[in-house]
């Protein structure tokens, strides 16, 4: 049959189509994902961590075969609750910076606190990690503002922050003394400890470091100072159900310095960041910082460590998390599949400081429990601190307290390291030298309640005139006469005068110590025994009278001491107070 051109064209097309059909049937079956790609796209899921989501995944086949049909473009994610929370915190923080730059310090502090509170309210979710990272950054920035201008001290010469002794050292590596291993291995197996002990190479390296001149100096100073707080710490650790050996975590963190500050803005004996401390009841206010309170901070640290142990199931991981945060450790465990500190350390998935943090604590523990083997048996530890507690119902100047009990203000400050502005707020439980409660209460009875934040007391020295006293305190003689009800035309030696003074906001400057200050405290030989005496609490009543106080029974103290000009000295006794609460 003769084929017309039209018929030939139809047949040709049919053959081509048939060939393509055969080839398609012989080829590999396409993935269902490819076929479903032609369906309408699904709604874009909300991003929980980023403002912009990553492009959707594209199969290899699809991208190779038809790239021109479906160009991939980043999809905008909807604002999640976490994003909104972050933006709100940023807005508050920026407003705080503006207030600070304008000189409105009170408003700046309020706004900074609100920014931190917003981030602390982040729920436990995938977004929590991002909130914590931003919180760390924000806290560091706020701390720098605080040190520069928000204020935490009455006077640069009176409040001193100490450098954390191991700050930066934990990021260093040290050689291993091969001769140590047999001895340490024997000690580990013979030592009774609630905390598991190890003699790994990293532990040996830190034993070697603490055996050197510089390392031993740091360790000895800390163990000596630990005597002041050992009864308190051991009691709190026992009450919270955590190993007693965790007392040496405080040695690694601060060397038992209540006002230690790290370059990461952690503060106190247990080195809490502000936001972490707040989670455990440690407040930072206009008047002070609870992170610097030995008892409250110890309570908070014990509870934090217990929570970390319950979360991670291992004390080594709990200690690591105390250093770098639970999120850091949890991510390392999830990434590797190993819930073992030493494995994580060997895989280099932990920060270097954290990798050395646990071995350093174990090294300190082993050495402290075997003092004779490391030349530590002769350390004369400080006496445990003892004090009485007085509950104040009015804002009270610490200088007035020192005047009333006739002790140097440095001693009052040392008993109350968390009070940074020289002022104890109303409702505070002020610690005073043991046995001084009665003298304080009797003295404050003569000071108007509204004047206790500024007025002073002065015992008249032999030969002192009213004019000389007025000049010393920078107040008119007539004001002194009026404050004492006009009863002091000619003050006599031994008289205690009320000195009116205008309250001035303390200078917002803080001097950080370049090195650990010299210790001048009394020492006692041997380990610190549990000599804790229950602190007595008294409430100071408001006074409405003001008259001359003639108390000849009170021990006479040189005027220079009452005038806060005596050299600072460490107090000789310390704490037995009641209980109170890382990074």
Protein backbone atom coordinates (compact mmCIF):
# COMPACT_ATOMS: atom_id res chain seq x y z
CA UNK A 1 0.00 0.00 0.00
CA UNK A 2 1.19 3.32 -0.95
CA UNK A 3 1.67 5.59 2.03
CA UNK A 4 0.74 9.18 1.79
CA UNK A 5 3.06 11.70 3.46
CA UNK A 6 0.48 12.23 6.23
CA UNK A 7 0.26 8.52 7.00
CA UNK A 8 4.06 8.17 7.05
CA UNK A 9 4.30 10.99 9.57
CA UNK A 10 1.74 9.40 11.83
CA UNK A 11 3.48 6.02 11.70
CA UNK A 12 6.86 7.57 12.41
CA UNK A 13 5.53 9.37 15.44
CA UNK A 14 3.90 6.18 16.69
CA UNK A 15 7.17 4.25 16.39
CA UNK A 16 9.08 6.90 18.29
CA UNK A 17 6.52 6.96 21.06
CA UNK A 18 6.55 3.15 21.25
CA UNK A 19 10.33 3.15 21.52
CA UNK A 20 10.27 5.67 24.34
CA UNK A 21 7.62 3.57 26.07
CA UNK A 22 9.76 0.44 25.81
CA UNK A 23 12.82 2.27 27.10
CA UNK A 24 10.87 3.77 29.95
CA UNK A 25 9.57 0.36 30.89
CA UNK A 26 13.05 -1.11 30.89
CA UNK A 27 14.56 1.73 32.91
CA UNK A 28 14.76 1.96 36.69
CA UNK A 29 11.61 2.76 38.61
CA UNK A 30 11.53 6.34 39.76
CA UNK A 31 11.37 7.10 43.43
CA UNK A 32 7.92 7.99 44.68
CA UNK A 33 9.37 11.14 46.15
CA UNK A 34 10.11 12.37 42.61
CA UNK A 35 6.55 11.74 41.45
CA UNK A 36 5.03 13.43 44.48
CA UNK A 37 7.12 16.47 43.75
CA UNK A 38 4.58 17.53 41.19
CA UNK A 39 1.93 17.81 43.85
CA UNK A 40 1.28 21.19 45.53
CA UNK A 41 4.05 21.95 48.02
CA UNK A 42 3.34 21.32 51.70
CA UNK A 43 3.13 24.32 54.03
CA UNK A 44 6.51 25.57 55.25
CA UNK A 45 7.17 24.32 58.78
CA UNK A 46 7.99 26.82 61.50
CA UNK A 47 11.64 27.16 62.31
CA UNK A 48 12.41 26.67 65.96
CA UNK A 49 15.92 28.03 65.99
CA UNK A 50 16.65 30.33 63.05
CA UNK A 51 15.01 33.27 61.37
CA UNK A 52 15.72 31.69 57.95
CA UNK A 53 15.31 28.00 57.33
CA UNK A 54 17.55 25.91 55.11
CA UNK A 55 16.27 25.02 51.58
CA UNK A 56 14.25 21.79 51.39
CA UNK A 57 16.25 18.67 50.49
CA UNK A 58 16.44 17.81 46.78
CA UNK A 59 16.99 14.26 45.61
CA UNK A 60 20.03 13.58 43.49
CA UNK A 61 18.00 12.25 40.57
CA UNK A 62 15.63 15.17 40.57
CA UNK A 63 18.32 17.78 40.63
CA UNK A 64 20.21 16.11 37.81
CA UNK A 65 17.29 15.54 35.50
CA UNK A 66 15.12 18.62 35.75
CA UNK A 67 17.06 21.39 37.49
CA UNK A 68 15.53 24.13 35.38
CA UNK A 69 11.97 23.40 36.35
CA UNK A 70 12.24 23.82 40.10
CA UNK A 71 14.88 26.36 41.17
CA UNK A 72 15.46 26.13 44.93
CA UNK A 73 15.06 29.33 46.92
CA UNK A 74 15.33 29.79 50.67
CA UNK A 75 11.95 29.79 52.29
CA UNK A 76 11.15 32.38 54.89
CA UNK A 77 10.19 30.85 58.20
CA UNK A 78 7.45 32.18 60.40
CA UNK A 79 8.49 33.81 63.63
CA UNK A 80 8.40 31.16 66.33
CA UNK A 81 7.73 31.81 70.00
CA UNK A 82 11.48 31.45 70.60
CA UNK A 83 12.27 34.08 67.96
CA UNK A 84 9.82 36.49 69.51
CA UNK A 85 11.29 35.87 72.94
CA UNK A 86 14.80 36.54 71.68
CA UNK A 87 13.72 39.76 69.99
CA UNK A 88 11.97 40.93 73.13
CA UNK A 89 15.10 40.26 75.18
CA UNK A 90 17.22 42.11 72.62
CA UNK A 91 14.88 45.09 72.73
CA UNK A 92 15.08 45.26 76.54
CA UNK A 93 18.85 44.91 76.44
CA UNK A 94 19.21 47.71 73.88
CA UNK A 95 16.93 49.94 75.93
CA UNK A 96 19.13 49.20 78.92
CA UNK A 97 22.24 50.24 76.99
CA UNK A 98 20.56 53.49 76.00
CA UNK A 99 19.60 54.17 79.62
CA UNK A 100 23.15 53.41 80.72
CA UNK A 101 24.63 55.77 78.13
CA UNK A 102 22.20 58.45 79.28
CA UNK A 103 23.43 58.07 82.85
CA UNK A 104 20.22 56.50 84.17
CA UNK A 105 21.86 53.64 86.03
CA UNK A 106 18.79 52.50 87.98
CA UNK A 107 16.70 52.22 84.81
CA UNK A 108 19.57 50.46 83.01
CA UNK A 109 19.79 47.83 85.70
CA UNK A 110 16.02 47.29 85.62
CA UNK A 111 15.98 46.83 81.85
CA UNK A 112 18.98 44.51 81.89
CA UNK A 113 17.28 42.37 84.52
CA UNK A 114 14.12 42.22 82.40
CA UNK A 115 16.15 41.10 79.38
CA UNK A 116 17.71 38.29 81.42
CA UNK A 117 14.32 37.29 82.84
CA UNK A 118 12.87 36.98 79.34
CA UNK A 119 15.59 34.53 78.30
CA UNK A 120 15.36 32.61 81.57
CA UNK A 121 11.68 32.01 80.84
CA UNK A 122 12.56 29.94 77.78
CA UNK A 123 10.90 26.51 78.08
CA UNK A 124 12.81 23.27 77.75
CA UNK A 125 12.82 22.67 74.00
CA UNK A 126 15.01 22.66 70.94
CA UNK A 127 15.08 26.44 71.19
CA UNK A 128 16.57 26.42 74.66
CA UNK A 129 20.15 26.09 73.43
CA UNK A 130 19.94 29.25 71.35
CA UNK A 131 18.43 31.16 74.27
CA UNK A 132 21.21 29.95 76.57
CA UNK A 133 23.94 30.97 74.12
CA UNK A 134 22.47 34.46 73.78
CA UNK A 135 22.02 34.61 77.54
CA UNK A 136 25.71 33.89 78.10
CA UNK A 137 26.65 36.68 75.69
CA UNK A 138 24.20 39.09 77.27
CA UNK A 139 25.35 38.32 80.81
CA UNK A 140 28.98 38.92 79.83
CA UNK A 141 28.04 42.30 78.36
CA UNK A 142 25.96 43.28 81.39
CA UNK A 143 28.83 42.28 83.68
CA UNK A 144 31.18 44.62 81.83
CA UNK A 145 28.65 47.43 82.17
CA UNK A 146 28.31 46.57 85.86
CA UNK A 147 32.02 46.74 86.47
CA UNK A 148 32.32 50.01 84.57
CA UNK A 149 29.36 51.91 85.84
CA UNK A 150 26.42 50.13 87.39
CA UNK A 151 28.25 49.84 90.65
CA UNK A 152 28.73 47.27 93.27
CA UNK A 153 30.97 48.91 95.79
CA UNK A 154 31.04 51.74 98.25
CA UNK A 155 34.61 52.56 97.55
CA UNK A 156 37.27 51.23 95.26
CA UNK A 157 39.56 50.70 98.22
CA UNK A 158 37.05 48.80 100.29
CA UNK A 159 35.53 46.13 98.08
CA UNK A 160 38.04 43.94 96.29
CA UNK A 161 37.24 41.11 93.91
CA UNK A 162 39.74 38.28 93.74
CA UNK A 163 40.90 36.55 90.60
CA UNK A 164 39.87 32.90 90.47
CA UNK A 165 43.24 31.11 91.08
CA UNK A 166 42.85 28.49 88.33
CA UNK A 167 41.41 30.94 85.80
CA UNK A 168 43.10 30.05 82.49
CA UNK A 169 45.24 27.28 84.00
CA UNK A 170 42.65 24.61 83.23
CA UNK A 171 43.18 25.21 79.52
CA UNK A 172 46.84 24.26 79.84
CA UNK A 173 48.48 20.86 79.62
CA UNK A 174 51.19 19.58 81.95
CA UNK A 175 53.73 16.76 81.78
CA UNK A 176 53.24 13.43 83.49
CA UNK A 177 55.66 12.11 86.08
CA UNK A 178 55.85 8.34 85.35
CA UNK A 179 56.92 7.72 88.94
CA UNK A 180 53.58 8.96 90.23
CA UNK A 181 51.42 6.26 88.68
CA UNK A 182 52.16 3.34 91.07
CA UNK A 183 51.75 5.58 94.13
CA UNK A 184 48.56 7.22 92.89
CA UNK A 185 47.09 3.87 91.85
CA UNK A 186 47.67 2.50 95.34
CA UNK A 187 46.16 5.64 96.92
CA UNK A 188 43.07 5.49 94.74
CA UNK A 189 42.35 1.89 95.73
CA UNK A 190 42.99 2.56 99.42
CA UNK A 191 41.11 5.87 99.72
CA UNK A 192 37.53 5.87 100.99
CA UNK A 193 35.53 8.27 98.87
CA UNK A 194 31.88 8.87 98.03
CA UNK A 195 33.08 10.20 94.67
CA UNK A 196 34.70 7.64 92.32
CA UNK A 197 38.42 8.25 91.90
CA UNK A 198 40.61 7.61 88.84
CA UNK A 199 44.33 7.58 88.17
CA UNK A 200 44.24 8.41 84.45
CA UNK A 201 47.10 10.20 82.74
CA UNK A 202 45.20 13.51 82.85
CA UNK A 203 44.75 13.16 86.61
CA UNK A 204 48.46 12.37 86.99
CA UNK A 205 49.36 15.48 84.98
CA UNK A 206 47.43 17.71 87.42
CA UNK A 207 48.89 15.95 90.43
CA UNK A 208 52.26 16.79 88.91
CA UNK A 209 51.20 20.44 88.44
CA UNK A 210 49.95 20.80 92.02
CA UNK A 211 53.24 19.31 93.19
CA UNK A 212 55.27 22.07 91.50
CA UNK A 213 56.10 25.25 93.38
CA UNK A 214 53.44 27.37 91.68
CA UNK A 215 50.73 24.72 91.73
CA UNK A 216 51.40 23.78 95.35
CA UNK A 217 51.15 27.44 96.35
CA UNK A 218 47.67 27.67 94.80
CA UNK A 219 46.57 24.38 96.37
CA UNK A 220 47.96 25.18 99.81
CA UNK A 221 46.36 28.62 99.95
CA UNK A 222 43.00 27.14 99.03
CA UNK A 223 43.17 24.26 101.52
CA UNK A 224 44.22 26.66 104.27
CA UNK A 225 41.32 28.99 103.48
CA UNK A 226 38.93 26.02 103.24
CA UNK A 227 39.12 25.64 107.01
CA UNK A 228 36.91 28.70 107.38
CA UNK A 229 34.07 27.16 105.40
CA UNK A 230 34.57 23.39 105.71
CA UNK A 231 31.96 22.78 108.45
CA UNK A 232 29.41 24.84 106.52
CA UNK A 233 30.11 23.14 103.17
CA UNK A 234 30.19 19.62 104.58
CA UNK A 235 26.86 20.20 106.33
CA UNK A 236 25.16 21.53 103.20
CA UNK A 237 26.54 18.78 100.95
CA UNK A 238 25.27 16.20 103.41
CA UNK A 239 21.83 17.83 103.59
CA UNK A 240 21.55 17.88 99.80
CA UNK A 241 22.73 14.29 99.40
CA UNK A 242 25.82 14.81 97.24
CA UNK A 243 29.35 13.41 97.75
CA UNK A 244 31.43 15.18 100.38
CA UNK A 245 34.40 15.21 97.99
CA UNK A 246 32.62 17.83 95.89
CA UNK A 247 33.95 20.35 98.38
CA UNK A 248 37.09 20.29 96.22
CA UNK A 249 35.08 21.56 93.28
CA UNK A 250 35.09 24.89 95.15
CA UNK A 251 38.88 24.64 95.33
CA UNK A 252 39.04 24.29 91.54
CA UNK A 253 36.51 27.06 91.01
CA UNK A 254 37.68 29.74 93.42
CA UNK A 255 40.22 28.49 95.93
CA UNK A 256 37.46 29.14 98.53
CA UNK A 257 37.47 32.89 97.86
CA UNK A 258 33.93 34.24 98.39
CA UNK A 259 34.55 37.19 96.06
CA UNK A 260 36.37 35.36 93.29
CA UNK A 261 35.53 36.53 89.77
CA UNK A 262 36.49 34.75 86.55
CA UNK A 263 37.14 36.25 83.13
CA UNK A 264 33.85 34.67 82.05
CA UNK A 265 31.96 36.78 84.62
CA UNK A 266 31.28 33.89 86.97
CA UNK A 267 31.37 35.01 90.61
CA UNK A 268 31.62 33.68 94.11
CA UNK A 269 33.10 30.64 95.81
CA UNK A 270 31.18 28.34 93.45
CA UNK A 271 31.51 30.57 90.37
CA UNK A 272 27.93 31.03 89.26
CA UNK A 273 26.98 33.03 86.22
CA UNK A 274 24.22 35.47 87.13
CA UNK A 275 21.46 33.74 85.14
CA UNK A 276 22.34 30.27 86.39
CA UNK A 277 22.51 31.49 89.96
CA UNK A 278 19.08 33.06 89.59
CA UNK A 279 17.66 29.64 88.70
CA UNK A 280 18.74 28.52 92.19
CA UNK A 281 17.60 31.56 94.13
CA UNK A 282 20.80 33.62 94.02
CA UNK A 283 19.68 37.21 93.51
CA UNK A 284 21.71 40.18 92.32
CA UNK A 285 20.21 43.42 93.66
CA UNK A 286 21.10 47.05 94.19
CA UNK A 287 22.72 46.18 97.49
CA UNK A 288 24.48 42.90 96.88
CA UNK A 289 25.08 39.64 95.10
CA UNK A 290 23.98 36.34 96.66
CA UNK A 291 26.55 34.49 94.57
CA UNK A 292 29.16 35.89 96.96
CA UNK A 293 27.36 34.58 100.05
CA UNK A 294 29.23 31.38 101.08
CA UNK A 295 26.19 29.64 102.54
CA UNK A 296 23.63 30.57 99.90
CA UNK A 297 26.05 29.81 97.06
CA UNK A 298 27.02 26.45 98.60
CA UNK A 299 23.36 25.48 98.85
CA UNK A 300 22.77 26.47 95.23
CA UNK A 301 25.87 24.61 94.01
CA UNK A 302 24.89 21.41 95.84
CA UNK A 303 21.40 21.48 94.37
CA UNK A 304 22.70 22.24 90.90
CA UNK A 305 25.16 19.34 91.05
CA UNK A 306 22.44 17.02 92.30
CA UNK A 307 20.16 18.08 89.44
CA UNK A 308 22.95 17.50 86.92
CA UNK A 309 23.62 14.05 88.32
CA UNK A 310 19.95 13.13 88.10
CA UNK A 311 19.89 14.36 84.51
CA UNK A 312 23.13 12.74 83.30
CA UNK A 313 23.44 9.73 85.65
CA UNK A 314 27.17 10.14 86.29
CA UNK A 315 29.13 12.35 88.69
CA UNK A 316 31.95 13.00 86.22
CA UNK A 317 29.46 14.15 83.59
CA UNK A 318 27.70 16.22 86.24
CA UNK A 319 30.95 17.99 87.12
CA UNK A 320 31.70 18.55 83.44
CA UNK A 321 28.21 20.00 82.96
CA UNK A 322 28.77 22.28 85.97
CA UNK A 323 31.71 23.74 84.08
CA UNK A 324 30.42 24.04 80.52
CA UNK A 325 26.65 23.67 80.97
CA UNK A 326 24.33 20.66 80.70
CA UNK A 327 23.52 21.46 77.08
CA UNK A 328 27.20 21.21 76.13
CA UNK A 329 27.58 17.76 77.70
CA UNK A 330 24.24 16.51 76.41
CA UNK A 331 25.13 17.51 72.85
CA UNK A 332 28.47 15.69 73.15
CA UNK A 333 26.67 12.56 74.35
CA UNK A 334 24.06 12.74 71.60
CA UNK A 335 26.68 13.36 68.92
CA UNK A 336 28.91 10.45 69.91
CA UNK A 337 26.52 8.04 71.57
CA UNK A 338 28.84 7.74 74.61
CA UNK A 339 27.67 8.78 78.07
CA UNK A 340 31.14 8.45 79.56
CA UNK A 341 33.35 11.42 80.47
CA UNK A 342 36.68 9.78 79.61
CA UNK A 343 35.43 8.67 76.19
CA UNK A 344 34.10 12.14 75.43
CA UNK A 345 37.42 13.59 76.55
CA UNK A 346 39.40 11.26 74.30
CA UNK A 347 37.13 12.10 71.34
CA UNK A 348 37.83 15.84 71.86
CA UNK A 349 34.13 16.75 71.87
CA UNK A 350 34.31 18.74 75.12
CA UNK A 351 35.82 22.22 75.59
CA UNK A 352 39.45 22.02 76.61
CA UNK A 353 38.80 23.61 79.99
CA UNK A 354 36.03 21.11 80.71
CA UNK A 355 38.22 18.20 79.60
CA UNK A 356 40.78 19.25 82.23
CA UNK A 357 38.27 20.37 84.85
CA UNK A 358 37.27 16.92 86.09
CA UNK A 359 40.87 15.55 86.21
CA UNK A 360 41.95 18.65 88.16
CA UNK A 361 39.22 18.10 90.78
CA UNK A 362 40.13 14.43 91.08
CA UNK A 363 43.81 15.35 91.47
CA UNK A 364 42.99 17.82 94.25
CA UNK A 365 40.79 15.21 95.97
CA UNK A 366 43.46 12.51 95.87
CA UNK A 367 46.13 14.87 97.20
CA UNK A 368 43.92 16.33 99.94
CA UNK A 369 42.95 12.85 101.14
CA UNK A 370 46.59 11.77 101.23
CA UNK A 371 48.30 14.90 102.61
CA UNK A 372 51.43 13.16 103.91
CA UNK A 373 52.28 11.82 100.46
CA UNK A 374 52.29 15.34 98.97
CA UNK A 375 53.72 17.47 101.78
CA UNK A 376 50.35 18.91 102.76
CA UNK A 377 50.08 17.56 106.30
CA UNK A 378 51.56 20.68 107.93
CA UNK A 379 49.01 23.18 106.59
CA UNK A 380 47.61 25.37 109.36
CA UNK A 381 44.02 25.82 108.35
CA UNK A 382 41.95 28.88 109.18
CA UNK A 383 39.45 28.63 111.98
CA UNK A 384 35.82 28.03 111.03
CA UNK A 385 33.93 31.30 110.93
CA UNK A 386 31.45 32.03 113.72
CA UNK A 387 28.90 34.77 113.97
CA UNK A 388 25.55 35.91 115.28
CA UNK A 389 22.77 36.93 112.91
CA UNK A 390 20.72 40.07 113.38
CA UNK A 391 17.61 40.62 111.28
CA UNK A 392 17.34 44.29 110.33
CA UNK A 393 14.01 46.03 109.85
CA UNK A 394 15.58 49.17 108.41
CA UNK A 395 18.29 49.90 105.86
CA UNK A 396 21.53 50.14 107.84
CA UNK A 397 25.00 51.44 107.05
CA UNK A 398 27.73 48.86 107.67
CA UNK A 399 29.97 51.64 108.98
CA UNK A 400 27.36 52.33 111.66
CA UNK A 401 27.33 48.64 112.57
CA UNK A 402 31.12 48.68 112.86
CA UNK A 403 30.93 51.77 115.06
CA UNK A 404 28.27 50.19 117.27
CA UNK A 405 30.17 46.96 117.94
CA UNK A 406 33.54 48.74 117.90
CA UNK A 407 35.12 46.53 115.27
CA UNK A 408 36.83 47.48 111.99
CA UNK A 409 34.41 47.74 109.10
CA UNK A 410 36.64 45.27 107.23
CA UNK A 411 35.56 42.62 109.73
CA UNK A 412 31.87 43.37 109.16
CA UNK A 413 32.39 43.27 105.41
CA UNK A 414 34.18 39.95 105.61
CA UNK A 415 31.27 38.41 107.49
CA UNK A 416 28.92 39.73 104.82
CA UNK A 417 30.80 39.40 101.49
CA UNK A 418 27.60 39.60 99.44
CA UNK A 419 26.91 43.19 100.59
CA UNK A 420 28.81 45.31 98.10
CA UNK A 421 27.59 48.84 98.68
CA UNK A 422 28.31 49.23 102.38
CA UNK A 423 24.57 49.06 103.08
CA UNK A 424 22.43 46.25 104.51
CA UNK A 425 18.87 46.53 103.18
CA UNK A 426 15.79 46.29 105.33
CA UNK A 427 14.96 42.67 106.07
CA UNK A 428 18.55 41.51 105.67
CA UNK A 429 19.99 38.95 108.06
CA UNK A 430 23.20 40.72 108.93
CA UNK A 431 26.10 38.69 110.31
CA UNK A 432 27.97 40.29 113.20
CA UNK A 433 30.92 39.08 115.31
CA UNK A 434 29.84 36.41 117.74
CA UNK A 435 28.76 37.94 121.03
CA UNK A 436 28.29 41.43 119.57
CA UNK A 437 24.53 41.26 119.12
CA UNK A 438 23.62 42.94 122.41
CA UNK A 439 26.00 45.85 121.84
CA UNK A 440 24.60 46.40 118.34
CA UNK A 441 20.97 46.31 119.45
CA UNK A 442 21.63 48.69 122.35
CA UNK A 443 23.46 51.14 120.11
CA UNK A 444 20.90 51.12 117.29
CA UNK A 445 18.13 51.86 119.80
CA UNK A 446 19.56 55.37 119.97
CA UNK A 447 19.67 55.96 116.21
CA UNK A 448 16.50 57.13 114.44
CA UNK A 449 15.27 54.35 112.18
CA UNK A 450 15.25 56.64 109.15
CA UNK A 451 18.87 57.66 109.73
CA UNK A 452 20.54 54.27 110.06
CA UNK A 453 21.55 54.25 106.40
CA UNK A 454 23.81 57.27 106.88
CA UNK A 455 24.50 58.22 110.49
CA UNK A 456 27.62 57.19 112.36
CA UNK A 457 28.67 56.74 115.98
CA UNK A 458 31.86 58.00 117.54
CA UNK A 459 33.47 57.32 120.91
CA UNK A 460 35.14 60.48 122.18
CA UNK A 461 38.87 60.20 122.78
CA UNK A 462 40.67 62.04 125.52
CA UNK A 463 41.35 65.60 124.48
CA UNK A 464 39.01 65.52 121.47
CA UNK A 465 36.91 68.63 120.93
CA UNK A 466 33.53 68.85 119.30
CA UNK A 467 35.04 70.94 116.52
CA UNK A 468 37.67 68.29 115.80
CA UNK A 469 35.05 65.55 115.68
CA UNK A 470 32.86 67.62 113.36
CA UNK A 471 35.81 68.22 111.03
CA UNK A 472 36.69 64.51 110.97
CA UNK A 473 33.22 63.53 109.77
CA UNK A 474 32.65 66.56 107.56
CA UNK A 475 29.50 67.68 109.35
CA UNK A 476 28.69 70.89 111.28
CA UNK A 477 29.20 70.84 115.03
CA UNK A 478 25.70 72.24 115.45
CA UNK A 479 24.28 69.20 113.62
CA UNK A 480 26.08 66.86 116.04
CA UNK A 481 24.69 68.79 119.01
CA UNK A 482 21.17 68.61 117.56
CA UNK A 483 21.42 64.88 116.81
CA UNK A 484 22.39 64.24 120.40
CA UNK A 485 19.44 66.25 121.80
CA UNK A 486 21.64 69.19 122.77
CA UNK A 487 23.18 67.22 125.63
CA UNK A 488 26.84 67.56 124.68
CA UNK A 489 28.03 71.08 125.20
CA UNK A 490 31.42 69.62 126.09
CA UNK A 491 31.83 65.91 125.25
CA UNK A 492 33.83 63.84 127.67
CA UNK A 493 36.23 61.00 126.95
CA UNK A 494 34.28 57.78 126.61
CA UNK A 495 31.05 59.41 125.38
CA UNK A 496 29.52 57.85 122.31
CA UNK A 497 28.09 60.49 120.01
CA UNK A 498 25.67 60.17 117.14
CA UNK A 499 27.16 61.71 114.01
CA UNK A 500 24.58 62.91 111.45
CA UNK A 501 25.64 62.52 107.88
CA UNK A 502 23.92 62.79 104.55
CA UNK A 503 23.67 59.53 102.69
CA UNK A 504 25.60 59.64 99.48
CA UNK A 505 25.20 57.02 96.81
CA UNK A 506 28.41 54.98 96.83
CA UNK A 507 30.93 55.48 94.09
CA UNK A 508 30.20 52.80 91.46
CA UNK A 509 33.68 51.46 91.09
CA UNK A 510 35.14 48.08 91.85
CA UNK A 511 38.78 47.23 92.04
CA UNK A 512 39.69 43.67 91.10
CA UNK A 513 42.63 42.18 92.87
CA UNK A 514 45.53 41.24 90.67
CA UNK A 515 46.48 38.44 92.94
CA UNK A 516 45.30 36.64 96.02
CA UNK A 517 45.63 39.02 98.98
CA UNK A 518 47.92 38.17 101.81
CA UNK A 519 46.25 36.31 104.61
CA UNK A 520 46.42 37.73 108.09
CA UNK A 521 43.79 35.54 109.70
CA UNK A 522 44.46 33.54 112.80
CA UNK A 523 45.23 29.93 112.07
CA UNK A 524 44.92 26.68 113.94
CA UNK A 525 46.82 23.47 113.42
CA UNK A 526 45.09 20.44 112.01
CA UNK A 527 42.01 19.91 109.99
CA UNK A 528 38.96 22.00 110.64
CA UNK A 529 36.66 20.21 112.99
CA UNK A 530 32.97 20.72 113.03
CA UNK A 531 33.03 23.50 115.59
CA UNK A 532 29.97 25.14 114.20
CA UNK A 533 27.77 26.95 116.69
CA UNK A 534 24.17 27.71 115.85
CA UNK A 535 23.84 31.34 114.90
CA UNK A 536 21.54 33.39 117.09
CA UNK A 537 19.08 35.62 115.28
CA UNK A 538 17.81 38.88 116.71
CA UNK A 539 15.54 41.52 115.27
CA UNK A 540 16.53 45.12 115.77
CA UNK A 541 13.58 47.26 116.83
CA UNK A 542 12.96 50.69 115.39
CA UNK A 543 14.02 53.60 117.55
CA UNK A 544 12.37 57.00 117.79
CA UNK A 545 14.65 58.69 120.28
CA UNK A 546 18.06 60.20 119.81
CA UNK A 547 20.20 61.08 122.73
CA UNK A 548 23.78 60.89 123.87
CA UNK A 549 24.94 57.36 124.46
CA UNK A 550 27.19 57.06 127.49
CA UNK A 551 28.37 53.49 127.59
CA UNK A 552 31.48 53.29 129.68
CA UNK A 553 31.24 49.52 129.87
CA UNK A 554 32.06 49.10 126.20
CA UNK A 555 35.66 48.38 125.32
CA UNK A 556 37.45 51.48 124.21
CA UNK A 557 38.73 51.50 120.65
CA UNK A 558 41.04 54.10 119.08
CA UNK A 559 39.22 56.69 117.06
CA UNK A 560 41.05 55.75 113.89
CA UNK A 561 39.45 52.34 114.05
CA UNK A 562 35.98 53.80 114.44
CA UNK A 563 36.76 56.11 111.55
CA UNK A 564 37.33 53.14 109.18
CA UNK A 565 40.94 54.14 108.70
CA UNK A 566 42.55 51.19 110.37
CA UNK A 567 44.25 48.67 108.10
CA UNK A 568 41.99 45.88 106.96
CA UNK A 569 42.37 42.71 108.98
CA UNK A 570 40.93 39.27 108.62
CA UNK A 571 38.44 38.23 111.27
CA UNK A 572 39.51 35.49 113.56
CA UNK A 573 36.28 33.62 113.98
CA UNK A 574 33.59 32.62 111.62
CA UNK A 575 30.42 30.81 110.74
CA UNK A 576 27.98 28.52 112.26
CA UNK A 577 24.92 29.97 110.74
CA UNK A 578 21.79 28.42 109.40
CA UNK A 579 21.40 27.03 105.89
CA UNK A 580 20.69 29.04 102.76
CA UNK A 581 21.53 28.15 98.43
CA UNK A 582 27.01 26.94 87.88
CA UNK A 583 27.66 27.81 85.59
